[in-house]
Amino acid sequence: MRAAAINLRALPEQRDLIDHAATLLGKNRSDFMLEAACERAQSVLLDQVFFGLNAEKFQQFTALLDAPPSANAGLERLMAVKAPWGSHPT
């Protein structure tokens, strides 16, 4: 059981649009809206580019950025694969 209520008002057209999409996914309006809102919130948080570091942590961070990349066999295999759009059928 959920413990916190979230209330909002919407235009009838917005409600109908949400209800239609929720029905297509087999969800009720509340579950659909909560899932959509949480996905958007996570996206916003993950897109943040500013973060604060103290001097020591900043030094560690820049050292990691400046260090040469370590060997990664999986990445090397991936980069060796020719892109499907790069070859022309003859």
N, C-alpha and C. Protein backbone atom coordinates (compact mmCIF):
# COMPACT_ATOMS: atom_id res chain seq x y z
N MET A 1 0.84 -1.18 0.00
CA MET A 1 0.00 0.00 0.00
C MET A 1 0.88 1.24 0.00
N ARG A 2 0.56 2.15 -0.86
CA ARG A 2 1.32 3.40 -0.93
C ARG A 2 0.89 4.33 0.18
N ALA A 3 1.85 5.10 0.69
CA ALA A 3 1.57 5.93 1.86
C ALA A 3 1.43 7.41 1.54
N ALA A 4 1.92 7.88 0.42
CA ALA A 4 1.91 9.31 0.12
C ALA A 4 0.96 9.59 -1.04
N ALA A 5 0.16 10.62 -0.90
CA ALA A 5 -0.77 11.02 -1.96
C ALA A 5 -0.15 12.13 -2.78
N ILE A 6 -0.39 12.07 -4.09
CA ILE A 6 0.02 13.14 -5.00
C ILE A 6 -1.23 13.51 -5.79
N ASN A 7 -1.64 14.75 -5.69
CA ASN A 7 -2.84 15.20 -6.39
C ASN A 7 -2.46 16.24 -7.44
N LEU A 8 -3.15 16.20 -8.57
CA LEU A 8 -2.95 17.22 -9.59
C LEU A 8 -4.20 17.36 -10.42
N ARG A 9 -4.31 18.47 -11.09
CA ARG A 9 -5.44 18.74 -11.96
C ARG A 9 -4.96 18.71 -13.40
N ALA A 10 -5.83 18.23 -14.28
CA ALA A 10 -5.48 18.14 -15.69
C ALA A 10 -6.68 18.53 -16.53
N LEU A 11 -6.42 18.94 -17.75
CA LEU A 11 -7.50 19.18 -18.69
C LEU A 11 -8.13 17.84 -19.07
N PRO A 12 -9.40 17.83 -19.40
CA PRO A 12 -10.03 16.57 -19.80
C PRO A 12 -9.29 15.87 -20.94
N GLU A 13 -8.77 16.65 -21.88
CA GLU A 13 -8.04 16.06 -23.01
C GLU A 13 -6.76 15.37 -22.53
N GLN A 14 -6.10 15.98 -21.56
CA GLN A 14 -4.89 15.37 -21.01
C GLN A 14 -5.22 14.08 -20.28
N ARG A 15 -6.28 14.12 -19.48
CA ARG A 15 -6.71 12.92 -18.77
C ARG A 15 -7.04 11.80 -19.75
N ASP A 16 -7.77 12.14 -20.82
CA ASP A 16 -8.16 11.13 -21.81
C ASP A 16 -6.94 10.55 -22.50
N LEU A 17 -5.98 11.38 -22.82
CA LEU A 17 -4.74 10.91 -23.44
C LEU A 17 -4.00 9.95 -22.53
N ILE A 18 -3.88 10.32 -21.27
CA ILE A 18 -3.20 9.48 -20.28
C ILE A 18 -3.95 8.17 -20.11
N ASP A 19 -5.27 8.25 -20.00
CA ASP A 19 -6.07 7.03 -19.84
C ASP A 19 -5.92 6.10 -21.03
N HIS A 20 -5.90 6.67 -22.23
CA HIS A 20 -5.76 5.85 -23.44
C HIS A 20 -4.41 5.12 -23.44
N ALA A 21 -3.35 5.86 -23.14
CA ALA A 21 -2.01 5.25 -23.11
C ALA A 21 -1.92 4.20 -22.01
N ALA A 22 -2.47 4.48 -20.85
CA ALA A 22 -2.44 3.53 -19.74
C ALA A 22 -3.17 2.25 -20.13
N THR A 23 -4.33 2.39 -20.77
CA THR A 23 -5.10 1.22 -21.20
C THR A 23 -4.30 0.37 -22.17
N LEU A 24 -3.61 1.02 -23.10
CA LEU A 24 -2.80 0.27 -24.06
C LEU A 24 -1.72 -0.56 -23.39
N LEU A 25 -1.24 -0.09 -22.25
CA LEU A 25 -0.20 -0.81 -21.51
C LEU A 25 -0.77 -1.71 -20.43
N GLY A 26 -2.09 -1.74 -20.32
CA GLY A 26 -2.72 -2.58 -19.30
C GLY A 26 -2.52 -2.06 -17.89
N LYS A 27 -2.43 -0.74 -17.76
CA LYS A 27 -2.21 -0.13 -16.44
C LYS A 27 -3.37 0.79 -16.12
N ASN A 28 -3.51 1.09 -14.84
CA ASN A 28 -4.49 2.11 -14.48
C ASN A 28 -3.80 3.47 -14.55
N ARG A 29 -4.61 4.52 -14.47
CA ARG A 29 -4.10 5.88 -14.61
C ARG A 29 -3.02 6.18 -13.58
N SER A 30 -3.26 5.84 -12.33
CA SER A 30 -2.29 6.16 -11.27
C SER A 30 -0.95 5.47 -11.50
N ASP A 31 -0.99 4.17 -11.81
CA ASP A 31 0.26 3.44 -12.04
C ASP A 31 1.00 4.00 -13.24
N PHE A 32 0.26 4.31 -14.31
CA PHE A 32 0.88 4.86 -15.51
C PHE A 32 1.54 6.20 -15.22
N MET A 33 0.81 7.09 -14.53
CA MET A 33 1.35 8.42 -14.25
C MET A 33 2.52 8.36 -13.30
N LEU A 34 2.44 7.51 -12.30
CA LEU A 34 3.55 7.40 -11.35
C LEU A 34 4.80 6.86 -12.04
N GLU A 35 4.62 5.86 -12.89
CA GLU A 35 5.77 5.31 -13.62
C GLU A 35 6.37 6.35 -14.55
N ALA A 36 5.52 7.06 -15.29
CA ALA A 36 6.00 8.08 -16.22
C ALA A 36 6.72 9.21 -15.48
N ALA A 37 6.15 9.64 -14.37
CA ALA A 37 6.76 10.73 -13.60
C ALA A 37 8.11 10.30 -13.02
N CYS A 38 8.18 9.07 -12.52
CA CYS A 38 9.44 8.58 -11.95
C CYS A 38 10.51 8.43 -13.03
N GLU A 39 10.13 7.94 -14.21
CA GLU A 39 11.10 7.83 -15.31
C GLU A 39 11.65 9.20 -15.68
N ARG A 40 10.77 10.19 -15.76
CA ARG A 40 11.20 11.55 -16.11
C ARG A 40 12.07 12.14 -15.02
N ALA A 41 11.71 11.91 -13.76
CA ALA A 41 12.50 12.42 -12.65
C ALA A 41 13.90 11.81 -12.66
N GLN A 42 13.99 10.51 -12.91
CA GLN A 42 15.30 9.87 -12.97
C GLN A 42 16.12 10.43 -14.12
N SER A 43 15.48 10.67 -15.25
CA SER A 43 16.17 11.24 -16.41
C SER A 43 16.73 12.62 -16.09
N VAL A 44 15.93 13.44 -15.45
CA VAL A 44 16.38 14.79 -15.08
C VAL A 44 17.57 14.70 -14.13
N LEU A 45 17.48 13.83 -13.14
CA LEU A 45 18.58 13.71 -12.17
C LEU A 45 19.84 13.18 -12.83
N LEU A 46 19.70 12.23 -13.74
CA LEU A 46 20.88 11.67 -14.40
C LEU A 46 21.52 12.63 -15.39
N ASP A 47 20.74 13.61 -15.87
CA ASP A 47 21.26 14.58 -16.83
C ASP A 47 22.01 15.73 -16.17
N GLN A 48 22.04 15.76 -14.86
CA GLN A 48 22.71 16.86 -14.18
C GLN A 48 24.21 16.79 -14.46
N VAL A 49 24.78 17.91 -14.82
CA VAL A 49 26.21 17.94 -15.13
C VAL A 49 27.02 18.65 -14.06
N PHE A 50 26.36 19.28 -13.12
CA PHE A 50 27.08 19.99 -12.07
C PHE A 50 27.09 19.14 -10.81
N PHE A 51 28.25 18.99 -10.24
CA PHE A 51 28.36 18.34 -8.94
C PHE A 51 29.56 18.94 -8.23
N GLY A 52 29.47 18.99 -6.93
CA GLY A 52 30.52 19.63 -6.14
C GLY A 52 31.47 18.62 -5.53
N LEU A 53 32.75 18.96 -5.53
CA LEU A 53 33.78 18.12 -4.91
C LEU A 53 34.70 18.99 -4.09
N ASN A 54 35.19 18.44 -3.00
CA ASN A 54 36.22 19.17 -2.26
C ASN A 54 37.53 19.05 -3.05
N ALA A 55 38.55 19.77 -2.62
CA ALA A 55 39.81 19.83 -3.38
C ALA A 55 40.44 18.45 -3.57
N GLU A 56 40.43 17.64 -2.53
CA GLU A 56 41.05 16.31 -2.63
C GLU A 56 40.30 15.43 -3.63
N LYS A 57 38.99 15.41 -3.52
CA LYS A 57 38.18 14.60 -4.44
C LYS A 57 38.29 15.10 -5.87
N PHE A 58 38.39 16.43 -6.04
CA PHE A 58 38.55 16.98 -7.37
C PHE A 58 39.87 16.54 -7.99
N GLN A 59 40.92 16.52 -7.19
CA GLN A 59 42.23 16.06 -7.68
C GLN A 59 42.15 14.60 -8.11
N GLN A 60 41.50 13.77 -7.29
CA GLN A 60 41.33 12.36 -7.64
C GLN A 60 40.53 12.21 -8.93
N PHE A 61 39.47 13.00 -9.05
CA PHE A 61 38.61 12.94 -10.23
C PHE A 61 39.38 13.32 -11.49
N THR A 62 40.11 14.43 -11.45
CA THR A 62 40.85 14.86 -12.63
C THR A 62 41.98 13.89 -12.96
N ALA A 63 42.57 13.27 -11.95
CA ALA A 63 43.61 12.27 -12.22
C ALA A 63 43.02 11.08 -12.97
N LEU A 64 41.84 10.66 -12.58
CA LEU A 64 41.18 9.56 -13.30
C LEU A 64 40.85 9.94 -14.74
N LEU A 65 40.40 11.18 -14.94
CA LEU A 65 40.09 11.63 -16.31
C LEU A 65 41.35 11.73 -17.17
N ASP A 66 42.44 12.15 -16.57
CA ASP A 66 43.68 12.35 -17.31
C ASP A 66 44.45 11.05 -17.54
N ALA A 67 44.16 10.02 -16.78
CA ALA A 67 44.89 8.76 -16.89
C ALA A 67 44.56 8.08 -18.22
N PRO A 68 45.54 7.38 -18.79
CA PRO A 68 45.25 6.65 -20.04
C PRO A 68 44.23 5.54 -19.75
N PRO A 69 43.43 5.22 -20.74
CA PRO A 69 42.43 4.17 -20.52
C PRO A 69 43.10 2.82 -20.29
N SER A 70 42.49 2.02 -19.44
CA SER A 70 43.02 0.67 -19.21
C SER A 70 42.55 -0.25 -20.31
N ALA A 71 43.24 -1.35 -20.50
CA ALA A 71 42.88 -2.31 -21.54
C ALA A 71 41.48 -2.84 -21.28
N ASN A 72 40.70 -2.97 -22.35
CA ASN A 72 39.33 -3.46 -22.24
C ASN A 72 39.05 -4.31 -23.47
N ALA A 73 39.19 -5.63 -23.31
CA ALA A 73 39.04 -6.54 -24.44
C ALA A 73 37.65 -6.43 -25.06
N GLY A 74 36.63 -6.30 -24.24
CA GLY A 74 35.26 -6.20 -24.76
C GLY A 74 35.07 -4.97 -25.61
N LEU A 75 35.61 -3.85 -25.17
CA LEU A 75 35.51 -2.61 -25.94
C LEU A 75 36.30 -2.72 -27.23
N GLU A 76 37.47 -3.34 -27.18
CA GLU A 76 38.26 -3.52 -28.39
C GLU A 76 37.52 -4.36 -29.42
N ARG A 77 36.86 -5.45 -28.97
CA ARG A 77 36.07 -6.28 -29.89
C ARG A 77 34.92 -5.48 -30.49
N LEU A 78 34.25 -4.71 -29.64
CA LEU A 78 33.13 -3.91 -30.12
C LEU A 78 33.58 -2.90 -31.16
N MET A 79 34.67 -2.23 -30.91
CA MET A 79 35.16 -1.21 -31.84
C MET A 79 35.67 -1.81 -33.14
N ALA A 80 36.02 -3.11 -33.13
CA ALA A 80 36.51 -3.77 -34.34
C ALA A 80 35.38 -4.20 -35.27
N VAL A 81 34.14 -4.22 -34.78
CA VAL A 81 33.01 -4.64 -35.60
C VAL A 81 32.66 -3.53 -36.58
N LYS A 82 32.51 -3.92 -37.85
CA LYS A 82 32.16 -2.94 -38.87
C LYS A 82 30.68 -2.59 -38.74
N ALA A 83 30.38 -1.31 -38.78
CA ALA A 83 28.99 -0.86 -38.67
C ALA A 83 28.20 -1.33 -39.88
N PRO A 84 26.99 -1.83 -39.68
CA PRO A 84 26.19 -2.34 -40.79
C PRO A 84 25.90 -1.27 -41.84
N TRP A 85 25.79 -0.03 -41.43
CA TRP A 85 25.52 1.03 -42.39
C TRP A 85 26.78 1.49 -43.12
N GLY A 86 27.94 0.97 -42.71
CA GLY A 86 29.19 1.36 -43.34
C GLY A 86 29.52 0.56 -44.59
N SER A 87 28.86 -0.56 -44.81
CA SER A 87 29.15 -1.37 -45.99
C SER A 87 28.04 -1.17 -47.02
N HIS A 88 28.45 -1.13 -48.27
CA HIS A 88 27.50 -0.93 -49.38
C HIS A 88 27.26 -2.27 -50.06
N PRO A 89 25.99 -2.69 -50.19
CA PRO A 89 25.72 -3.95 -50.89
C PRO A 89 26.06 -3.81 -52.38
N THR A 90 26.60 -4.86 -52.93
CA THR A 90 26.96 -4.80 -54.36
C THR A 90 26.14 -5.77 -55.15
